Each structure stands twice: as C-alpha cells, then as structure tokens.
C-alpha cells in the first residue's frame, strides 16, 4: 500500500467514527442512516485521499503535518474503542 492511501484513510477514520456514532444515536430509520453514512463517507474519503496525495507530493513540513494528523485521527478512534462500554 502506498503512503498516500494509508494517510488518507487514517485521516478519514476519526471523522467517520464520529459520524457513525452520531448517526447510530440519532437515526431512527436504519437504512436511511446507512445510506447517509455511505454517501458522506465516500465523499470524505475521496477528498481526504486527494489532500493526502498533495501532502505526499509537497513533502517537508506538510507531509509531516498530514502524517501527524492521521496518527491523531487513528488515536482518537482507538481511544473511543477503549472507552466504549460493552453493551
């Protein structure tokens, strides 16, 4: 896998986890929530993959910033998983 793909998907992980949590708690019609999540996720992933591609092309501090943000995004998802109470 290329670094661009990994960084782009990691950047998307935090916002998608938050979106999933909000939709799960606020949506009463599950199929509508699933379609909403799928559409927003597709657009978000495409945009963040493009941003990650630009970061990798530019290099230097911008590349470091993107990689740091992707690590923070992954960390927030892992923290949420650890703090989630089993139901």
Protein backbone atom coordinates (compact mmCIF):
# COMPACT_ATOMS: atom_id res chain seq x y z
CA UNK A 1 0.00 0.00 0.00
CA UNK A 2 1.21 3.47 -0.73
CA UNK A 3 1.74 6.06 1.98
CA UNK A 4 -0.90 8.29 0.37
CA UNK A 5 -3.59 5.64 0.73
CA UNK A 6 -2.66 4.86 4.31
CA UNK A 7 -2.51 8.52 5.36
CA UNK A 8 -5.76 9.35 3.55
CA UNK A 9 -7.69 6.51 5.16
CA UNK A 10 -6.25 7.28 8.58
CA UNK A 11 -7.26 10.93 8.18
CA UNK A 12 -10.81 9.77 7.41
CA UNK A 13 -11.03 7.35 10.35
CA UNK A 14 -11.68 9.94 13.06
CA UNK A 15 -14.43 11.91 11.30
CA UNK A 16 -16.09 8.70 10.08
CA UNK A 17 -16.11 7.24 13.59
CA UNK A 18 -17.76 10.41 14.88
CA UNK A 19 -20.28 10.43 12.03
CA UNK A 20 -21.14 6.78 12.67
CA UNK A 21 -21.70 7.42 16.38
CA UNK A 22 -23.97 10.40 15.69
CA UNK A 23 -25.98 8.55 13.05
CA UNK A 24 -26.35 5.47 15.26
CA UNK A 25 -27.72 7.53 18.14
CA UNK A 26 -29.87 9.96 16.16
CA UNK A 27 -31.26 7.94 13.25
CA UNK A 28 -34.47 6.02 13.77
CA UNK A 29 -34.61 4.65 10.25
CA UNK A 30 -31.55 2.40 9.93
CA UNK A 31 -31.49 2.08 6.11
CA UNK A 32 -31.60 5.87 5.74
CA UNK A 33 -28.75 6.23 8.24
CA UNK A 34 -26.71 3.61 6.34
CA UNK A 35 -27.16 5.38 3.01
CA UNK A 36 -26.33 8.73 4.59
CA UNK A 37 -23.16 7.28 6.11
CA UNK A 38 -22.13 5.63 2.83
CA UNK A 39 -22.54 8.80 0.77
CA UNK A 40 -20.80 11.08 3.25
CA UNK A 41 -18.02 8.51 3.78
CA UNK A 42 -17.39 8.16 0.04
CA UNK A 43 -17.09 11.91 -0.47
CA UNK A 44 -14.96 12.37 2.66
CA UNK A 45 -12.56 9.57 1.71
CA UNK A 46 -12.14 10.89 -1.82
CA UNK A 47 -11.42 14.41 -0.56
CA UNK A 48 -9.00 13.25 2.12
CA UNK A 49 -7.18 10.94 -0.28
CA UNK A 50 -6.67 13.92 -2.57
CA UNK A 51 -5.39 16.02 0.35
CA UNK A 52 -3.04 13.20 1.40
CA UNK A 53 -1.78 12.96 -2.18
CA UNK A 54 -0.97 16.66 -2.20
CA UNK A 55 0.77 16.36 1.17
CA UNK A 56 2.94 13.49 -0.04
CA UNK A 57 3.80 15.37 -3.26
CA UNK A 58 4.81 18.55 -1.41
CA UNK A 59 6.91 16.76 1.19
CA UNK A 60 8.65 18.51 4.06
CA UNK A 61 6.57 20.00 6.85
CA UNK A 62 3.29 19.48 5.03
CA UNK A 63 3.95 15.73 4.76
CA UNK A 64 4.88 15.63 8.45
CA UNK A 65 1.72 17.53 9.38
CA UNK A 66 -0.51 15.16 7.39
CA UNK A 67 1.11 12.13 8.96
CA UNK A 68 0.76 13.63 12.43
CA UNK A 69 -2.92 14.39 11.81
CA UNK A 70 -3.51 10.85 10.58
CA UNK A 71 -1.87 9.45 13.73
CA UNK A 72 -4.05 11.69 15.90
CA UNK A 73 -7.14 10.59 13.98
CA UNK A 74 -6.26 6.93 14.49
CA UNK A 75 -5.51 7.62 18.14
CA UNK A 76 -8.94 9.18 18.66
CA UNK A 77 -10.62 6.12 17.14
CA UNK A 78 -8.60 3.74 19.31
CA UNK A 79 -9.34 5.80 22.41
CA UNK A 80 -13.05 5.74 21.63
CA UNK A 81 -12.90 1.96 21.23
CA UNK A 82 -11.12 1.56 24.56
CA UNK A 83 -13.55 3.84 26.38
CA UNK A 84 -16.67 2.34 24.83
CA UNK A 85 -18.64 0.36 27.31
CA UNK A 86 -19.66 -3.13 26.19
CA UNK A 87 -23.40 -3.27 25.65
